[in-house]
Amino acid sequence: MARARTDERSELDWVAVLCLAPSLLYVFAMFIYPFMYGVYISLQPLKGDAWSIKNYVAFFSDAYQLVTIKTTFLLALPTTVVVVLVSLFLAYGMRRGIWLERTITTILVLPISLGVIFLSEGILGFYGTNGWLNQMLLGAGIIHEPLELTHNFTGVILSLFMQNFPFCFLMLLGYISGIDPSLESSARMLGAGPWTIFRRVMLPLIAPGLIIAFALVFVLSFAVFPSAVMLGQPAGLTRTISIAAYQQAFEQYDMSYASAIAVIMGLCQLAALIVIVAVRRRMTIATTMGVGKR
């Protein structure tokens, strides 16, 4: 009997390996290999030279390059916080359905279909110095000088918000909608108010999905490139680390240095994810993760 169970378990293990093989192969070919090859190139400043960390030393010795890390964090972190909070507020309010829910949801997620370039062009046309918004405000006499909402931090953050909000909103809406409504009803019957229900009942259950959404939005925002070029100042205030890598690769034609910058960018994202995971472990989460899920 025990031998039969062992044979059955071994067969299931082989089936699992065969099912996972295509996914593992894809991950290796599309993510692991390119990253390792990038590390390999970054350690060879010139062909034929011995391996060296000169590119990394050069990057961290150059104040102009180091500022790109700070700039990227200043763009990504506030955007991520705002996107997650707004998405949580709307998703929590729509969790039990509202009037015209499908129409409102379609409008909220519409930017997904526009693409980054088209979205940036729209922001320039509406929020630009000569855009519709400024023209309406000037015509109404509300302002006397055009608002500078593009070609600066504001323009890039607007673009990042519109790009990342639909993903975060849909993710949280699906997660929150799956929480058993009887938990709220029970808490309400015991005398708990709306804020207490949210803080003591709902938030611990939402926390895992909230952290995942935060991590995904942060990674997407940290890799900002087209928005920083079209709506920011790529040679000035909004010169992000991805722009620095692009300039080294396609303007200076130094693929080795560009690869080093790309690796540093990846390590910054990894470090941020580690911090996010550490914060998640410290948050108050329900003892049983499946409690309240339908």
Protein backbone atom coordinates (compact mmCIF):
# COMPACT_ATOMS: atom_id res chain seq x y z
CA MET A 1 0.00 0.00 0.00
CA ALA A 2 2.78 2.39 0.98
CA ARG A 3 4.70 1.48 -2.19
CA ALA A 4 1.62 2.21 -4.32
CA ARG A 5 1.26 5.60 -2.71
CA THR A 6 4.95 6.33 -3.33
CA ASP A 7 4.64 5.36 -6.99
CA GLU A 8 1.53 7.49 -7.37
CA ARG A 9 3.28 10.48 -5.76
CA SER A 10 6.32 10.05 -8.01
CA GLU A 11 4.05 9.97 -11.07
CA LEU A 12 2.32 13.15 -9.93
CA ASP A 13 5.71 14.83 -9.36
CA TRP A 14 6.76 14.04 -12.94
CA VAL A 15 3.47 15.36 -14.27
CA ALA A 16 3.98 18.58 -12.29
CA VAL A 17 7.53 18.93 -13.65
CA LEU A 18 6.32 18.41 -17.23
CA CYS A 19 3.57 20.98 -16.75
CA LEU A 20 5.97 23.52 -15.26
CA ALA A 21 8.74 22.95 -17.82
CA PRO A 22 7.36 25.31 -20.52
CA SER A 23 6.85 28.09 -17.97
CA LEU A 24 10.30 27.61 -16.48
CA LEU A 25 11.84 27.59 -19.95
CA TYR A 26 10.03 30.82 -20.82
CA VAL A 27 11.17 32.50 -17.58
CA PHE A 28 14.75 31.42 -18.23
CA ALA A 29 14.76 32.55 -21.87
CA MET A 30 12.97 35.87 -21.35
CA PHE A 31 14.17 36.96 -17.92
CA ILE A 32 17.02 35.02 -16.33
CA TYR A 33 19.24 34.71 -19.42
CA PRO A 34 18.89 38.37 -20.53
CA PHE A 35 19.66 39.55 -16.99
CA MET A 36 22.71 37.31 -16.64
CA TYR A 37 23.91 38.32 -20.12
CA GLY A 38 23.50 41.97 -19.13
CA VAL A 39 25.62 41.38 -16.03
CA TYR A 40 28.22 39.64 -18.21
CA ILE A 41 28.40 42.60 -20.64
CA SER A 42 28.53 45.14 -17.82
CA LEU A 43 31.66 43.48 -16.42
CA GLN A 44 33.53 43.80 -19.72
CA PRO A 45 34.22 47.50 -20.44
CA LEU A 46 35.94 46.64 -23.71
CA LYS A 47 36.10 43.47 -25.76
CA GLY A 48 39.09 41.39 -24.83
CA ASP A 49 39.59 43.11 -21.47
CA ALA A 50 39.48 41.19 -18.23
CA TRP A 51 36.35 41.32 -16.15
CA SER A 52 36.08 44.54 -14.20
CA ILE A 53 33.65 46.57 -12.10
CA LYS A 54 34.83 49.83 -13.68
CA ASN A 55 31.37 50.61 -15.02
CA TYR A 56 29.79 50.33 -11.59
CA VAL A 57 32.53 52.40 -10.01
CA ALA A 58 32.09 55.02 -12.74
CA PHE A 59 28.35 55.18 -12.15
CA PHE A 60 28.55 55.58 -8.39
CA SER A 61 31.40 58.08 -8.74
CA ASP A 62 29.39 60.32 -11.08
CA ALA A 63 27.01 62.63 -9.20
CA TYR A 64 25.13 63.34 -12.44
CA GLN A 65 24.32 59.65 -12.82
CA LEU A 66 23.53 59.09 -9.15
CA VAL A 67 20.84 61.76 -9.24
CA THR A 68 18.90 59.57 -11.69
CA ILE A 69 18.21 57.02 -8.93
CA LYS A 70 16.84 59.72 -6.63
CA THR A 71 14.76 61.20 -9.46
CA THR A 72 13.30 57.82 -10.36
CA PHE A 73 12.32 57.11 -6.76
CA LEU A 74 10.77 60.60 -6.43
CA LEU A 75 8.61 59.84 -9.46
CA ALA A 76 7.77 56.22 -8.71
CA LEU A 77 7.06 56.26 -4.98
CA PRO A 78 4.51 59.13 -4.77
CA THR A 79 2.79 57.87 -7.91
CA THR A 80 2.50 54.37 -6.45
CA VAL A 81 1.07 55.63 -3.15
CA VAL A 82 -1.52 57.81 -4.89
CA VAL A 83 -2.51 55.11 -7.40
CA VAL A 84 -2.96 52.46 -4.70
CA LEU A 85 -4.92 54.76 -2.36
CA VAL A 86 -7.28 56.02 -5.09
CA SER A 87 -7.75 52.49 -6.43
CA LEU A 88 -8.48 51.17 -2.93
CA PHE A 89 -11.00 53.96 -2.27
CA LEU A 90 -12.90 53.36 -5.52
CA ALA A 91 -12.68 49.57 -5.42
CA TYR A 92 -13.89 49.48 -1.81
CA GLY A 93 -16.82 51.73 -2.67
CA MET A 94 -17.79 49.61 -5.68
CA ARG A 95 -17.30 46.19 -4.05
CA ARG A 96 -21.05 45.48 -3.75
CA GLY A 97 -22.05 47.07 -7.03
CA ILE A 98 -23.29 50.57 -7.84
CA TRP A 99 -25.52 52.18 -10.46
CA LEU A 100 -23.91 52.10 -13.93
CA GLU A 101 -21.05 50.02 -12.54
CA ARG A 102 -20.02 48.59 -15.91
CA THR A 103 -20.03 51.99 -17.59
CA ILE A 104 -17.99 53.58 -14.79
CA THR A 105 -15.53 50.68 -14.74
CA THR A 106 -15.09 50.90 -18.52
CA ILE A 107 -14.33 54.61 -18.28
CA LEU A 108 -11.86 54.08 -15.45
CA VAL A 109 -9.89 51.37 -17.28
CA LEU A 110 -10.08 52.99 -20.72
CA PRO A 111 -6.45 54.28 -20.59
CA ILE A 112 -5.28 50.65 -20.92
CA SER A 113 -6.36 50.68 -24.57
CA LEU A 114 -4.71 54.00 -25.43
CA GLY A 115 -1.03 53.14 -25.08
CA VAL A 116 1.71 55.25 -23.49
CA ILE A 117 2.49 57.41 -26.54
CA PHE A 118 -1.13 58.22 -27.37
CA LEU A 119 -1.85 58.89 -23.71
CA SER A 120 1.12 61.26 -23.46
CA GLU A 121 -0.02 63.10 -26.57
CA GLY A 122 -3.46 63.48 -25.01
CA ILE A 123 -1.99 64.88 -21.80
CA LEU A 124 0.05 67.40 -23.81
CA GLY A 125 -3.07 68.42 -25.70
CA PHE A 126 -5.21 68.84 -22.59
CA TYR A 127 -2.81 69.85 -19.81
CA GLY A 128 -0.13 71.57 -21.91
CA THR A 129 0.61 75.30 -21.77
CA ASN A 130 -1.61 75.84 -24.81
CA GLY A 131 -3.90 72.93 -23.98
CA TRP A 132 -7.65 72.90 -23.52
CA LEU A 133 -7.51 73.16 -19.73
CA ASN A 134 -5.40 76.33 -19.72
CA GLN A 135 -7.45 77.85 -22.51
CA MET A 136 -10.69 77.28 -20.58
CA LEU A 137 -9.26 78.63 -17.31
CA LEU A 138 -7.77 81.68 -19.05
CA GLY A 139 -10.98 82.32 -20.94
CA ALA A 140 -13.01 82.14 -17.73
CA GLY A 141 -10.64 84.53 -15.99
CA ILE A 142 -9.81 81.99 -13.26
CA ILE A 143 -6.07 82.25 -13.97
CA HIS A 144 -3.99 84.94 -15.64
CA GLU A 145 -1.01 82.80 -16.66
CA PRO A 146 -1.02 79.24 -18.04
CA LEU A 147 -0.47 76.47 -15.52
CA GLU A 148 2.76 74.53 -16.10
CA LEU A 149 1.49 70.96 -15.87
CA THR A 150 3.74 69.35 -18.48
CA HIS A 151 7.48 69.08 -19.12
CA ASN A 152 8.04 68.70 -15.39
CA PHE A 153 7.39 66.25 -12.54
CA THR A 154 3.65 66.91 -12.66
CA GLY A 155 3.31 65.83 -16.28
CA VAL A 156 5.22 62.60 -15.74
CA ILE A 157 3.25 61.75 -12.61
CA LEU A 158 -0.04 62.41 -14.43
CA SER A 159 0.99 60.00 -17.16
CA LEU A 160 2.16 57.33 -14.72
CA PHE A 161 -1.08 57.62 -12.77
CA MET A 162 -3.23 57.17 -15.88
CA GLN A 163 -1.12 54.23 -17.07
CA ASN A 164 -1.02 52.29 -13.80
CA PHE A 165 -4.38 53.11 -12.23
CA PRO A 166 -6.48 50.75 -14.41
CA PHE A 167 -4.33 47.70 -13.55
CA CYS A 168 -4.32 48.49 -9.84
CA PHE A 169 -8.04 49.28 -9.74
CA LEU A 170 -9.07 46.08 -11.52
CA MET A 171 -6.78 43.99 -9.33
CA LEU A 172 -8.11 45.43 -6.07
CA LEU A 173 -11.72 45.39 -7.24
CA GLY A 174 -11.50 41.68 -8.01
CA TYR A 175 -9.77 40.97 -4.72
CA ILE A 176 -12.12 43.02 -2.54
CA SER A 177 -15.25 41.73 -4.31
CA GLY A 178 -14.24 38.19 -3.31
CA ILE A 179 -14.44 38.90 0.43
CA ASP A 180 -17.49 37.33 2.04
CA PRO A 181 -20.02 40.13 2.75
CA SER A 182 -21.30 38.23 5.77
CA LEU A 183 -18.19 39.35 7.67
CA GLU A 184 -19.23 42.98 7.31
CA SER A 185 -22.80 42.13 8.25
CA SER A 186 -21.66 40.29 11.37
CA ALA A 187 -19.43 43.18 12.44
CA ARG A 188 -22.25 45.65 11.83
CA MET A 189 -24.62 43.56 13.95
CA LEU A 190 -22.07 43.63 16.77
CA GLY A 191 -22.11 47.43 16.70
CA ALA A 192 -19.02 48.21 14.66
CA GLY A 193 -19.05 51.40 12.62
CA PRO A 194 -17.88 51.75 8.98
CA TRP A 195 -14.36 52.84 9.92
CA THR A 196 -13.98 50.04 12.47
CA ILE A 197 -15.24 47.48 9.95
CA PHE A 198 -12.74 48.69 7.38
CA ARG A 199 -9.78 48.88 9.77
CA ARG A 200 -10.37 45.75 11.86
CA VAL A 201 -12.17 43.41 9.43
CA MET A 202 -11.61 44.37 5.82
CA LEU A 203 -8.09 45.80 5.81
CA PRO A 204 -6.41 42.67 7.21
CA LEU A 205 -8.08 40.65 4.46
CA ILE A 206 -7.26 43.21 1.75
CA ALA A 207 -3.63 43.64 2.88
CA PRO A 208 -2.09 40.78 0.82
CA GLY A 209 -3.68 42.02 -2.41
CA LEU A 210 -2.86 45.61 -1.48
CA ILE A 211 0.83 44.81 -1.06
CA ILE A 212 0.96 42.93 -4.37
CA ALA A 213 -0.73 45.84 -6.15
CA PHE A 214 1.71 48.27 -4.54
CA ALA A 215 4.70 46.18 -5.66
CA LEU A 216 3.49 45.86 -9.26
CA VAL A 217 2.65 49.55 -9.61
CA PHE A 218 6.00 50.56 -8.12
CA VAL A 219 7.96 48.34 -10.51
CA LEU A 220 6.02 49.72 -13.50
CA SER A 221 6.52 53.30 -12.33
CA PHE A 222 10.22 52.82 -11.60
CA ALA A 223 10.79 51.72 -15.20
CA VAL A 224 9.29 54.95 -16.57
CA PHE A 225 10.79 55.99 -19.91
CA PRO A 226 8.41 57.34 -22.63
CA SER A 227 6.49 59.52 -20.17
CA ALA A 228 9.68 61.02 -18.75
CA VAL A 229 10.85 61.87 -22.28
CA MET A 230 7.60 63.26 -23.69
CA LEU A 231 6.11 64.94 -20.62
CA GLY A 232 9.20 65.72 -18.57
CA GLN A 233 12.69 67.11 -18.98
CA PRO A 234 14.80 64.11 -20.08
CA ALA A 235 18.03 66.10 -19.82
CA GLY A 236 17.07 67.81 -16.57
CA LEU A 237 14.61 67.35 -13.73
CA THR A 238 13.05 64.08 -14.94
CA ARG A 239 16.18 62.31 -16.19
CA THR A 240 15.42 58.85 -14.83
CA ILE A 241 17.77 55.89 -14.64
CA SER A 242 16.15 54.29 -17.70
CA ILE A 243 16.93 57.44 -19.71
CA ALA A 244 20.52 57.28 -18.50
CA ALA A 245 20.79 53.69 -19.73
CA TYR A 246 19.24 54.62 -23.09
CA GLN A 247 21.64 57.52 -23.58
CA GLN A 248 24.67 55.36 -22.90
CA ALA A 249 23.43 52.61 -25.24
CA PHE A 250 22.12 54.58 -28.22
CA GLU A 251 23.79 57.99 -27.94
CA GLN A 252 27.21 57.10 -26.53
CA TYR A 253 27.15 53.55 -27.98
CA ASP A 254 28.60 52.17 -24.77
CA MET A 255 26.60 48.99 -24.29
CA SER A 256 28.79 47.85 -21.42
CA TYR A 257 28.11 50.95 -19.35
CA ALA A 258 24.43 50.90 -20.36
CA SER A 259 24.18 47.29 -19.18
CA ALA A 260 25.71 48.25 -15.84
CA ILE A 261 23.10 51.00 -15.41
CA ALA A 262 20.33 48.55 -16.32
CA VAL A 263 21.62 46.06 -13.75
CA ILE A 264 21.72 48.79 -11.09
CA MET A 265 18.15 49.70 -12.02
CA GLY A 266 17.08 46.07 -11.59
CA LEU A 267 18.83 45.84 -8.22
CA CYS A 268 17.07 49.01 -7.04
CA GLN A 269 13.72 47.48 -7.96
CA LEU A 270 14.67 44.23 -6.24
CA ALA A 271 15.69 46.10 -3.08
CA ALA A 272 12.38 47.96 -3.07
CA LEU A 273 10.46 44.68 -3.46
CA ILE A 274 12.36 43.18 -0.54
CA VAL A 275 11.37 46.15 1.62
CA ILE A 276 7.74 45.82 0.49
CA VAL A 277 7.70 42.11 1.35
CA ALA A 278 9.25 42.87 4.76
CA VAL A 279 6.53 45.47 5.42
CA ARG A 280 3.89 42.94 4.43
CA ARG A 281 5.13 40.48 7.04
CA ARG A 282 4.88 43.14 9.73
CA MET A 283 1.35 44.12 8.82
CA THR A 284 -1.57 42.74 10.80
CA ILE A 285 -2.99 40.04 8.56
CA ALA A 286 -5.74 37.52 9.28
CA THR A 287 -4.42 34.33 10.85
CA THR A 288 -5.96 32.23 8.12
CA MET A 289 -5.48 33.72 4.65
CA GLY A 290 -8.53 31.92 3.29
CA VAL A 291 -10.93 33.33 5.88
CA GLY A 292 -13.58 35.52 4.29
CA LYS A 293 -12.76 34.50 0.72
CA ARG A 294 -15.54 32.95 -1.34
